[in-house]
All heavy atoms as atom14 arrays in JSON, in Angstrom:
{
  "sequence": "VSDWDTWLPLDKIDGLVKVEGVGMGCMLMKTNVFSKLIKPYFEFTY",
  "atom14_mask": [
    [1, 1, 1, 1, 1, 1, 1, 0, 0, 0, 0, 0, 0, 0],
    [1, 1, 1, 1, 1, 1, 0, 0, 0, 0, 0, 0, 0, 0],
    [1, 1, 1, 1, 1, 1, 1, 1, 0, 0, 0, 0, 0, 0],
    [1, 1, 1, 1, 1, 1, 1, 1, 1, 1, 1, 1, 1, 1],
    [1, 1, 1, 1, 1, 1, 1, 1, 0, 0, 0, 0, 0, 0],
    [1, 1, 1, 1, 1, 1, 1, 0, 0, 0, 0, 0, 0, 0],
    [1, 1, 1, 1, 1, 1, 1, 1, 1, 1, 1, 1, 1, 1],
    [1, 1, 1, 1, 1, 1, 1, 1, 0, 0, 0, 0, 0, 0],
    [1, 1, 1, 1, 1, 1, 1, 0, 0, 0, 0, 0, 0, 0],
    [1, 1, 1, 1, 1, 1, 1, 1, 0, 0, 0, 0, 0, 0],
    [1, 1, 1, 1, 1, 1, 1, 1, 0, 0, 0, 0, 0, 0],
    [1, 1, 1, 1, 1, 1, 1, 1, 1, 0, 0, 0, 0, 0],
    [1, 1, 1, 1, 1, 1, 1, 1, 0, 0, 0, 0, 0, 0],
    [1, 1, 1, 1, 1, 1, 1, 1, 0, 0, 0, 0, 0, 0],
    [1, 1, 1, 1, 0, 0, 0, 0, 0, 0, 0, 0, 0, 0],
    [1, 1, 1, 1, 1, 1, 1, 1, 0, 0, 0, 0, 0, 0],
    [1, 1, 1, 1, 1, 1, 1, 0, 0, 0, 0, 0, 0, 0],
    [1, 1, 1, 1, 1, 1, 1, 1, 1, 0, 0, 0, 0, 0],
    [1, 1, 1, 1, 1, 1, 1, 0, 0, 0, 0, 0, 0, 0],
    [1, 1, 1, 1, 1, 1, 1, 1, 1, 0, 0, 0, 0, 0],
    [1, 1, 1, 1, 0, 0, 0, 0, 0, 0, 0, 0, 0, 0],
    [1, 1, 1, 1, 1, 1, 1, 0, 0, 0, 0, 0, 0, 0],
    [1, 1, 1, 1, 0, 0, 0, 0, 0, 0, 0, 0, 0, 0],
    [1, 1, 1, 1, 1, 1, 1, 1, 0, 0, 0, 0, 0, 0],
    [1, 1, 1, 1, 0, 0, 0, 0, 0, 0, 0, 0, 0, 0],
    [1, 1, 1, 1, 1, 1, 0, 0, 0, 0, 0, 0, 0, 0],
    [1, 1, 1, 1, 1, 1, 1, 1, 0, 0, 0, 0, 0, 0],
    [1, 1, 1, 1, 1, 1, 1, 1, 0, 0, 0, 0, 0, 0],
    [1, 1, 1, 1, 1, 1, 1, 1, 0, 0, 0, 0, 0, 0],
    [1, 1, 1, 1, 1, 1, 1, 1, 1, 0, 0, 0, 0, 0],
    [1, 1, 1, 1, 1, 1, 1, 0, 0, 0, 0, 0, 0, 0],
    [1, 1, 1, 1, 1, 1, 1, 1, 0, 0, 0, 0, 0, 0],
    [1, 1, 1, 1, 1, 1, 1, 0, 0, 0, 0, 0, 0, 0],
    [1, 1, 1, 1, 1, 1, 1, 1, 1, 1, 1, 0, 0, 0],
    [1, 1, 1, 1, 1, 1, 0, 0, 0, 0, 0, 0, 0, 0],
    [1, 1, 1, 1, 1, 1, 1, 1, 1, 0, 0, 0, 0, 0],
    [1, 1, 1, 1, 1, 1, 1, 1, 0, 0, 0, 0, 0, 0],
    [1, 1, 1, 1, 1, 1, 1, 1, 0, 0, 0, 0, 0, 0],
    [1, 1, 1, 1, 1, 1, 1, 1, 1, 0, 0, 0, 0, 0],
    [1, 1, 1, 1, 1, 1, 1, 0, 0, 0, 0, 0, 0, 0],
    [1, 1, 1, 1, 1, 1, 1, 1, 1, 1, 1, 1, 0, 0],
    [1, 1, 1, 1, 1, 1, 1, 1, 1, 1, 1, 0, 0, 0],
    [1, 1, 1, 1, 1, 1, 1, 1, 1, 0, 0, 0, 0, 0],
    [1, 1, 1, 1, 1, 1, 1, 1, 1, 1, 1, 0, 0, 0],
    [1, 1, 1, 1, 1, 1, 1, 0, 0, 0, 0, 0, 0, 0],
    [1, 1, 1, 1, 1, 1, 1, 1, 1, 1, 1, 1, 0, 0]
  ],
  "atom14_positions": [
    [[-116.98, -114.39, 146.52], [-117.23, -114.15, 147.96], [-116.46, -115.02, 148.86], [-116.61, -114.88, 150.06], [-118.72, -114.19, 148.18], [-119.5, -113.15, 147.47], [-119.3, -115.59, 147.84], [0.0, 0.0, 0.0], [0.0, 0.0, 0.0], [0.0, 0.0, 0.0], [0.0, 0.0, 0.0], [0.0, 0.0, 0.0], [0.0, 0.0, 0.0], [0.0, 0.0, 0.0]],
    [[-115.71, -115.99, 148.37], [-114.91, -116.84, 149.26], [-113.52, -116.11, 149.41], [-112.65, -116.66, 150.13], [-114.7, -118.19, 148.63], [-114.1, -118.23, 147.39], [0.0, 0.0, 0.0], [0.0, 0.0, 0.0], [0.0, 0.0, 0.0], [0.0, 0.0, 0.0], [0.0, 0.0, 0.0], [0.0, 0.0, 0.0], [0.0, 0.0, 0.0], [0.0, 0.0, 0.0]],
    [[-113.25, -115.04, 148.68], [-111.9, -114.37, 148.76], [-112.17, -112.86, 148.88], [-112.56, -112.21, 147.86], [-111.2, -114.73, 147.46], [-109.76, -114.13, 147.48], [-109.44, -113.38, 148.38], [-108.99, -114.36, 146.48], [0.0, 0.0, 0.0], [0.0, 0.0, 0.0], [0.0, 0.0, 0.0], [0.0, 0.0, 0.0], [0.0, 0.0, 0.0], [0.0, 0.0, 0.0]],
    [[-111.9, -112.3, 150.04], [-112.16, -110.92, 150.31], [-111.19, -110.02, 149.53], [-111.35, -108.82, 149.57], [-112.0, -110.6, 151.74], [-113.14, -111.2, 152.61], [-113.03, -111.86, 153.77], [-114.56, -111.22, 152.4], [-114.18, -112.32, 154.35], [-115.08, -111.9, 153.45], [-115.36, -110.82, 151.37], [-116.56, -112.15, 153.6], [-116.77, -111.0, 151.46], [-117.34, -111.67, 152.48]],
    [[-110.24, -110.65, 148.76], [-109.27, -109.8, 148.0], [-109.77, -109.59, 146.61], [-109.1, -108.95, 145.75], [-107.91, -110.36, 148.0], [-107.21, -110.31, 149.36], [-107.41, -109.31, 150.07], [-106.45, -111.3, 149.67], [0.0, 0.0, 0.0], [0.0, 0.0, 0.0], [0.0, 0.0, 0.0], [0.0, 0.0, 0.0], [0.0, 0.0, 0.0], [0.0, 0.0, 0.0]],
    [[-110.99, -110.05, 146.29], [-111.53, -109.94, 144.95], [-112.53, -108.83, 144.8], [-113.34, -108.79, 143.94], [-112.19, -111.23, 144.51], [-113.27, -111.56, 145.31], [-111.21, -112.42, 144.57], [0.0, 0.0, 0.0], [0.0, 0.0, 0.0], [0.0, 0.0, 0.0], [0.0, 0.0, 0.0], [0.0, 0.0, 0.0], [0.0, 0.0, 0.0], [0.0, 0.0, 0.0]],
    [[-112.42, -107.76, 145.64], [-113.35, -106.67, 145.55], [-113.04, -105.95, 144.26], [-112.05, -105.89, 143.7], [-113.13, -105.72, 146.76], [-111.71, -105.26, 146.98], [-110.74, -105.89, 147.71], [-111.16, -104.0, 146.43], [-109.59, -105.14, 147.67], [-109.8, -104.03, 146.96], [-111.52, -103.04, 145.69], [-108.86, -103.01, 146.59], [-110.61, -101.92, 145.41], [-109.3, -101.98, 145.93]],
    [[-114.23, -105.39, 143.72], [-114.15, -104.76, 142.39], [-113.74, -103.28, 142.46], [-114.58, -102.51, 143.12], [-115.53, -104.92, 141.78], [-115.69, -104.4, 140.32], [-114.88, -105.33, 139.3], [-117.25, -104.43, 139.88], [0.0, 0.0, 0.0], [0.0, 0.0, 0.0], [0.0, 0.0, 0.0], [0.0, 0.0, 0.0], [0.0, 0.0, 0.0], [0.0, 0.0, 0.0]],
    [[-112.61, -102.79, 141.92], [-112.33, -101.45, 141.98], [-113.33, -100.54, 141.23], [-113.91, -100.92, 140.34], [-110.93, -101.35, 141.24], [-110.49, -102.86, 141.2], [-111.66, -103.71, 141.16], [0.0, 0.0, 0.0], [0.0, 0.0, 0.0], [0.0, 0.0, 0.0], [0.0, 0.0, 0.0], [0.0, 0.0, 0.0], [0.0, 0.0, 0.0], [0.0, 0.0, 0.0]],
    [[-113.51, -99.29, 141.83], [-114.41, -98.41, 141.19], [-113.88, -97.81, 139.83], [-114.63, -97.32, 139.05], [-114.73, -97.2, 142.15], [-115.77, -97.49, 143.16], [-115.87, -96.26, 144.1], [-117.1, -97.68, 142.53], [0.0, 0.0, 0.0], [0.0, 0.0, 0.0], [0.0, 0.0, 0.0], [0.0, 0.0, 0.0], [0.0, 0.0, 0.0], [0.0, 0.0, 0.0]],
    [[-112.59, -97.93, 139.65], [-112.05, -97.36, 138.4], [-112.16, -98.38, 137.17], [-111.73, -98.14, 136.13], [-110.64, -97.06, 138.57], [-109.67, -98.12, 139.05], [-110.14, -99.22, 139.1], [-108.48, -97.8, 139.31], [0.0, 0.0, 0.0], [0.0, 0.0, 0.0], [0.0, 0.0, 0.0], [0.0, 0.0, 0.0], [0.0, 0.0, 0.0], [0.0, 0.0, 0.0]],
    [[-112.75, -99.49, 137.53], [-112.98, -100.56, 136.41], [-114.3, -100.09, 135.73], [-115.49, -100.32, 136.2], [-113.15, -101.96, 136.93], [-113.39, -102.95, 135.99], [-113.5, -104.33, 136.62], [-113.73, -105.44, 135.46], [-112.76, -105.48, 134.39], [0.0, 0.0, 0.0], [0.0, 0.0, 0.0], [0.0, 0.0, 0.0], [0.0, 0.0, 0.0], [0.0, 0.0, 0.0]],
    [[-114.16, -99.46, 134.6], [-115.35, -99.06, 133.75], [-115.55, -100.01, 132.58], [-114.78, -99.91, 131.61], [-115.18, -97.6, 133.28], [-114.95, -96.66, 134.45], [-116.4, -97.23, 132.47], [-116.01, -96.64, 135.5], [0.0, 0.0, 0.0], [0.0, 0.0, 0.0], [0.0, 0.0, 0.0], [0.0, 0.0, 0.0], [0.0, 0.0, 0.0], [0.0, 0.0, 0.0]],
    [[-116.42, -100.94, 132.73], [-116.55, -101.9, 131.67], [-118.02, -102.26, 131.54], [-118.48, -103.51, 131.44], [-115.72, -103.1, 132.06], [-115.6, -104.21, 130.93], [-115.72, -103.7, 129.74], [-115.32, -105.38, 131.11], [0.0, 0.0, 0.0], [0.0, 0.0, 0.0], [0.0, 0.0, 0.0], [0.0, 0.0, 0.0], [0.0, 0.0, 0.0], [0.0, 0.0, 0.0]],
    [[-118.93, -101.3, 131.51], [-120.43, -101.55, 131.26], [-120.85, -102.33, 132.52], [-120.78, -101.93, 133.63], [0.0, 0.0, 0.0], [0.0, 0.0, 0.0], [0.0, 0.0, 0.0], [0.0, 0.0, 0.0], [0.0, 0.0, 0.0], [0.0, 0.0, 0.0], [0.0, 0.0, 0.0], [0.0, 0.0, 0.0], [0.0, 0.0, 0.0], [0.0, 0.0, 0.0]],
    [[-121.41, -103.53, 132.23], [-121.94, -104.37, 133.25], [-120.92, -105.46, 133.53], [-120.38, -106.08, 132.68], [-123.24, -105.02, 132.83], [-124.44, -104.12, 132.49], [-125.68, -105.03, 132.13], [-124.65, -103.14, 133.5], [0.0, 0.0, 0.0], [0.0, 0.0, 0.0], [0.0, 0.0, 0.0], [0.0, 0.0, 0.0], [0.0, 0.0, 0.0], [0.0, 0.0, 0.0]],
    [[-120.68, -105.66, 134.84], [-119.73, -106.65, 135.31], [-120.48, -107.61, 136.17], [-121.24, -107.22, 137.13], [-118.56, -106.05, 136.02], [-117.65, -107.17, 136.7], [-117.75, -105.2, 135.09], [0.0, 0.0, 0.0], [0.0, 0.0, 0.0], [0.0, 0.0, 0.0], [0.0, 0.0, 0.0], [0.0, 0.0, 0.0], [0.0, 0.0, 0.0], [0.0, 0.0, 0.0]],
    [[-120.26, -108.88, 136.01], [-120.93, -109.99, 136.87], [-120.16, -110.11, 138.17], [-118.96, -110.29, 138.08], [-121.11, -111.28, 136.08], [-121.99, -112.28, 136.81], [-122.07, -113.58, 136.08], [-122.52, -113.47, 134.65], [-122.77, -114.82, 133.99], [0.0, 0.0, 0.0], [0.0, 0.0, 0.0], [0.0, 0.0, 0.0], [0.0, 0.0, 0.0], [0.0, 0.0, 0.0]],
    [[-120.79, -110.25, 139.3], [-120.14, -110.44, 140.63], [-120.98, -111.49, 141.4], [-122.1, -111.93, 140.96], [-120.06, -109.12, 141.43], [-119.29, -108.03, 140.77], [-121.57, -108.67, 141.68], [0.0, 0.0, 0.0], [0.0, 0.0, 0.0], [0.0, 0.0, 0.0], [0.0, 0.0, 0.0], [0.0, 0.0, 0.0], [0.0, 0.0, 0.0], [0.0, 0.0, 0.0]],
    [[-120.3, -112.0, 142.47], [-121.02, -112.95, 143.27], [-121.69, -112.25, 144.47], [-122.73, -112.75, 144.92], [-120.03, -114.04, 143.88], [-119.57, -115.0, 142.7], [-118.83, -116.14, 143.39], [-118.6, -116.12, 144.55], [-118.39, -117.03, 142.56], [0.0, 0.0, 0.0], [0.0, 0.0, 0.0], [0.0, 0.0, 0.0], [0.0, 0.0, 0.0], [0.0, 0.0, 0.0]],
    [[-121.15, -111.15, 144.94], [-121.7, -110.48, 146.1], [-121.54, -109.03, 146.05], [-120.55, -108.5, 145.53], [0.0, 0.0, 0.0], [0.0, 0.0, 0.0], [0.0, 0.0, 0.0], [0.0, 0.0, 0.0], [0.0, 0.0, 0.0], [0.0, 0.0, 0.0], [0.0, 0.0, 0.0], [0.0, 0.0, 0.0], [0.0, 0.0, 0.0], [0.0, 0.0, 0.0]],
    [[-122.51, -108.26, 146.53], [-122.41, -106.77, 146.64], [-123.3, -106.35, 147.71], [-124.4, -106.97, 147.96], [-122.78, -106.18, 145.25], [-124.2, -106.49, 144.81], [-122.55, -104.71, 145.24], [0.0, 0.0, 0.0], [0.0, 0.0, 0.0], [0.0, 0.0, 0.0], [0.0, 0.0, 0.0], [0.0, 0.0, 0.0], [0.0, 0.0, 0.0], [0.0, 0.0, 0.0]],
    [[-123.02, -105.24, 148.37], [-124.0, -104.62, 149.35], [-125.2, -104.13, 148.67], [-125.24, -103.86, 147.47], [0.0, 0.0, 0.0], [0.0, 0.0, 0.0], [0.0, 0.0, 0.0], [0.0, 0.0, 0.0], [0.0, 0.0, 0.0], [0.0, 0.0, 0.0], [0.0, 0.0, 0.0], [0.0, 0.0, 0.0], [0.0, 0.0, 0.0], [0.0, 0.0, 0.0]],
    [[-126.18, -103.99, 149.52], [-127.58, -103.67, 148.98], [-127.92, -102.14, 149.03], [-129.04, -101.74, 149.05], [-128.72, -104.5, 149.69], [-128.67, -105.94, 149.3], [-129.86, -106.96, 150.26], [-131.36, -106.28, 149.61], [0.0, 0.0, 0.0], [0.0, 0.0, 0.0], [0.0, 0.0, 0.0], [0.0, 0.0, 0.0], [0.0, 0.0, 0.0], [0.0, 0.0, 0.0]],
    [[-126.76, -101.31, 149.23], [-126.97, -99.94, 149.35], [-127.73, -99.24, 148.16], [-128.31, -98.18, 148.31], [0.0, 0.0, 0.0], [0.0, 0.0, 0.0], [0.0, 0.0, 0.0], [0.0, 0.0, 0.0], [0.0, 0.0, 0.0], [0.0, 0.0, 0.0], [0.0, 0.0, 0.0], [0.0, 0.0, 0.0], [0.0, 0.0, 0.0], [0.0, 0.0, 0.0]],
    [[-127.52, -99.83, 147.05], [-128.18, -99.38, 145.77], [-128.33, -100.51, 144.8], [-127.45, -100.79, 144.04], [-127.36, -98.24, 145.13], [-128.07, -97.46, 143.73], [0.0, 0.0, 0.0], [0.0, 0.0, 0.0], [0.0, 0.0, 0.0], [0.0, 0.0, 0.0], [0.0, 0.0, 0.0], [0.0, 0.0, 0.0], [0.0, 0.0, 0.0], [0.0, 0.0, 0.0]],
    [[-129.46, -101.19, 144.96], [-129.77, -102.5, 144.14], [-131.11, -102.55, 143.63], [-132.08, -102.34, 144.43], [-129.4, -103.65, 145.09], [-129.63, -105.0, 144.34], [-129.42, -106.42, 145.49], [-127.54, -106.38, 145.66], [0.0, 0.0, 0.0], [0.0, 0.0, 0.0], [0.0, 0.0, 0.0], [0.0, 0.0, 0.0], [0.0, 0.0, 0.0], [0.0, 0.0, 0.0]],
    [[-131.2, -102.87, 142.37], [-132.57, -103.03, 141.78], [-132.73, -104.52, 141.46], [-131.88, -105.21, 141.0], [-132.58, -102.24, 140.31], [-133.93, -102.33, 139.68], [-134.96, -101.37, 140.34], [-133.76, -102.07, 138.11], [0.0, 0.0, 0.0], [0.0, 0.0, 0.0], [0.0, 0.0, 0.0], [0.0, 0.0, 0.0], [0.0, 0.0, 0.0], [0.0, 0.0, 0.0]],
    [[-133.98, -104.97, 141.84], [-134.32, -106.37, 141.56], [-135.67, -106.49, 141.08], [-136.59, -105.72, 141.51], [-134.23, -107.12, 143.05], [-132.96, -106.96, 143.85], [-133.08, -107.72, 145.44], [-132.86, -109.51, 144.99], [0.0, 0.0, 0.0], [0.0, 0.0, 0.0], [0.0, 0.0, 0.0], [0.0, 0.0, 0.0], [0.0, 0.0, 0.0], [0.0, 0.0, 0.0]],
    [[-135.95, -107.48, 140.3], [-137.32, -107.77, 139.84], [-138.03, -108.52, 141.14], [-137.46, -109.37, 141.75], [-137.29, -108.79, 138.7], [-136.93, -108.16, 137.39], [-137.03, -109.1, 136.19], [-136.68, -108.3, 135.02], [-136.72, -109.26, 133.82], [0.0, 0.0, 0.0], [0.0, 0.0, 0.0], [0.0, 0.0, 0.0], [0.0, 0.0, 0.0], [0.0, 0.0, 0.0]],
    [[-139.18, -108.06, 141.47], [-139.81, -108.51, 142.68], [-140.18, -110.0, 142.66], [-140.09, -110.69, 143.66], [-141.15, -107.74, 142.89], [-140.95, -106.34, 142.77], [-141.72, -107.94, 144.24], [0.0, 0.0, 0.0], [0.0, 0.0, 0.0], [0.0, 0.0, 0.0], [0.0, 0.0, 0.0], [0.0, 0.0, 0.0], [0.0, 0.0, 0.0], [0.0, 0.0, 0.0]],
    [[-140.34, -110.49, 141.38], [-140.65, -111.94, 141.24], [-139.61, -112.83, 141.75], [-139.88, -114.16, 141.76], [-141.31, -112.24, 139.92], [-140.27, -112.07, 138.75], [-139.05, -111.91, 139.12], [-140.69, -112.1, 137.58], [0.0, 0.0, 0.0], [0.0, 0.0, 0.0], [0.0, 0.0, 0.0], [0.0, 0.0, 0.0], [0.0, 0.0, 0.0], [0.0, 0.0, 0.0]],
    [[-138.37, -112.45, 141.83], [-137.28, -113.29, 142.35], [-137.65, -113.88, 143.7], [-137.15, -115.04, 144.0], [-135.97, -112.64, 142.26], [-135.64, -112.18, 140.89], [-135.75, -111.53, 143.32], [0.0, 0.0, 0.0], [0.0, 0.0, 0.0], [0.0, 0.0, 0.0], [0.0, 0.0, 0.0], [0.0, 0.0, 0.0], [0.0, 0.0, 0.0], [0.0, 0.0, 0.0]],
    [[-138.34, -113.1, 144.46], [-138.67, -113.64, 145.85], [-139.66, -114.68, 145.8], [-139.77, -115.44, 146.83], [-139.2, -112.37, 146.67], [-138.05, -111.46, 147.09], [-137.74, -110.34, 146.32], [-137.34, -111.66, 148.13], [-136.8, -109.45, 146.59], [-136.26, -110.81, 148.58], [-135.95, -109.63, 147.7], [0.0, 0.0, 0.0], [0.0, 0.0, 0.0], [0.0, 0.0, 0.0]],
    [[-140.45, -114.82, 144.82], [-141.4, -115.89, 144.74], [-140.8, -117.28, 144.49], [-141.35, -118.32, 144.81], [-142.42, -115.7, 143.51], [-141.7, -115.79, 142.29], [0.0, 0.0, 0.0], [0.0, 0.0, 0.0], [0.0, 0.0, 0.0], [0.0, 0.0, 0.0], [0.0, 0.0, 0.0], [0.0, 0.0, 0.0], [0.0, 0.0, 0.0], [0.0, 0.0, 0.0]],
    [[-139.48, -117.26, 144.12], [-138.76, -118.51, 144.01], [-137.99, -118.9, 145.29], [-137.47, -120.03, 145.32], [-137.65, -118.34, 142.86], [-138.19, -117.63, 141.62], [-139.12, -118.52, 140.76], [-139.72, -117.79, 139.61], [-138.75, -117.25, 138.68], [0.0, 0.0, 0.0], [0.0, 0.0, 0.0], [0.0, 0.0, 0.0], [0.0, 0.0, 0.0], [0.0, 0.0, 0.0]],
    [[-138.02, -118.06, 146.28], [-137.32, -118.34, 147.46], [-138.27, -118.81, 148.61], [-139.36, -118.49, 148.7], [-136.69, -116.99, 147.98], [-135.51, -116.49, 147.12], [-135.17, -115.08, 147.64], [-134.32, -117.37, 147.12], [0.0, 0.0, 0.0], [0.0, 0.0, 0.0], [0.0, 0.0, 0.0], [0.0, 0.0, 0.0], [0.0, 0.0, 0.0], [0.0, 0.0, 0.0]],
    [[-137.67, -119.59, 149.52], [-138.28, -120.03, 150.69], [-137.87, -119.09, 151.92], [-136.66, -118.78, 152.01], [-137.96, -121.5, 151.06], [-138.37, -122.41, 149.93], [-138.6, -121.94, 152.41], [-137.93, -123.83, 150.08], [0.0, 0.0, 0.0], [0.0, 0.0, 0.0], [0.0, 0.0, 0.0], [0.0, 0.0, 0.0], [0.0, 0.0, 0.0], [0.0, 0.0, 0.0]],
    [[-138.81, -118.69, 152.68], [-138.45, -117.77, 153.86], [-137.65, -118.64, 154.83], [-137.82, -119.83, 155.05], [-139.63, -117.24, 154.54], [-140.38, -116.22, 153.71], [-141.6, -115.62, 154.4], [-142.26, -114.56, 153.61], [-143.36, -113.93, 154.37], [0.0, 0.0, 0.0], [0.0, 0.0, 0.0], [0.0, 0.0, 0.0], [0.0, 0.0, 0.0], [0.0, 0.0, 0.0]],
    [[-136.65, -117.99, 155.6], [-136.47, -116.44, 155.55], [-135.65, -116.07, 154.31], [-134.64, -116.76, 153.92], [-135.65, -116.3, 156.89], [-134.9, -117.53, 157.07], [-135.8, -118.62, 156.58], [0.0, 0.0, 0.0], [0.0, 0.0, 0.0], [0.0, 0.0, 0.0], [0.0, 0.0, 0.0], [0.0, 0.0, 0.0], [0.0, 0.0, 0.0], [0.0, 0.0, 0.0]],
    [[-135.98, -114.91, 153.77], [-135.31, -114.36, 152.68], [-133.99, -113.85, 153.17], [-132.98, -114.02, 152.51], [-136.06, -113.21, 152.04], [-137.36, -113.54, 151.58], [-138.44, -112.61, 151.6], [-137.67, -114.71, 150.91], [-139.7, -112.8, 151.2], [-138.94, -115.01, 150.37], [-139.96, -113.99, 150.54], [-141.24, -114.34, 150.15], [0.0, 0.0, 0.0], [0.0, 0.0, 0.0]],
    [[-133.98, -113.2, 154.32], [-132.81, -112.55, 154.85], [-132.25, -113.23, 156.16], [-133.13, -113.43, 157.04], [-133.04, -111.13, 155.11], [-133.78, -110.32, 153.87], [-135.13, -110.12, 153.81], [-132.89, -109.97, 152.93], [-135.65, -109.64, 152.74], [-133.44, -109.37, 151.79], [-134.77, -109.14, 151.67], [0.0, 0.0, 0.0], [0.0, 0.0, 0.0], [0.0, 0.0, 0.0]],
    [[-131.01, -113.43, 156.28], [-130.43, -114.04, 157.46], [-128.88, -113.78, 157.48], [-128.28, -113.6, 156.46], [-130.72, -115.49, 157.51], [-130.29, -116.33, 156.34], [-130.81, -117.75, 156.33], [-130.9, -118.39, 157.46], [-131.07, -118.34, 155.3], [0.0, 0.0, 0.0], [0.0, 0.0, 0.0], [0.0, 0.0, 0.0], [0.0, 0.0, 0.0], [0.0, 0.0, 0.0]],
    [[-128.42, -113.88, 158.64], [-126.85, -113.83, 158.89], [-126.4, -115.25, 159.06], [-126.99, -116.06, 159.68], [-126.53, -112.95, 160.07], [-127.05, -111.52, 160.0], [-127.66, -110.98, 161.12], [-126.88, -110.71, 158.9], [-128.17, -109.72, 161.09], [-127.33, -109.42, 158.92], [-128.01, -108.88, 159.95], [0.0, 0.0, 0.0], [0.0, 0.0, 0.0], [0.0, 0.0, 0.0]],
    [[-125.2, -115.48, 158.56], [-124.63, -116.79, 158.83], [-123.12, -116.5, 159.15], [-122.41, -115.65, 158.67], [-124.61, -117.69, 157.53], [-124.06, -117.09, 156.48], [-126.08, -118.13, 157.32], [0.0, 0.0, 0.0], [0.0, 0.0, 0.0], [0.0, 0.0, 0.0], [0.0, 0.0, 0.0], [0.0, 0.0, 0.0], [0.0, 0.0, 0.0], [0.0, 0.0, 0.0]],
    [[-122.59, -117.44, 160.04], [-121.29, -117.33, 160.47], [-120.26, -118.18, 159.65], [-120.64, -119.33, 159.36], [-121.17, -117.77, 161.97], [-119.81, -117.51, 162.63], [-119.3, -116.26, 162.83], [-119.03, -118.63, 163.03], [-118.01, -116.05, 163.4], [-117.77, -118.38, 163.56], [-117.28, -117.14, 163.82], [-116.0, -117.04, 164.33], [0.0, 0.0, 0.0], [0.0, 0.0, 0.0]]
  ]
}
């Protein structure tokens, strides 16, 4: 996420791939991950 040129191509078919950042347009999460966080969960930073 420190390099905007490292976006993952859609033609990369390799099962599961680990990334640092991705949009939340289609994302599954275990709900209990939020119990480990301190609010605010969501924020913008410059």
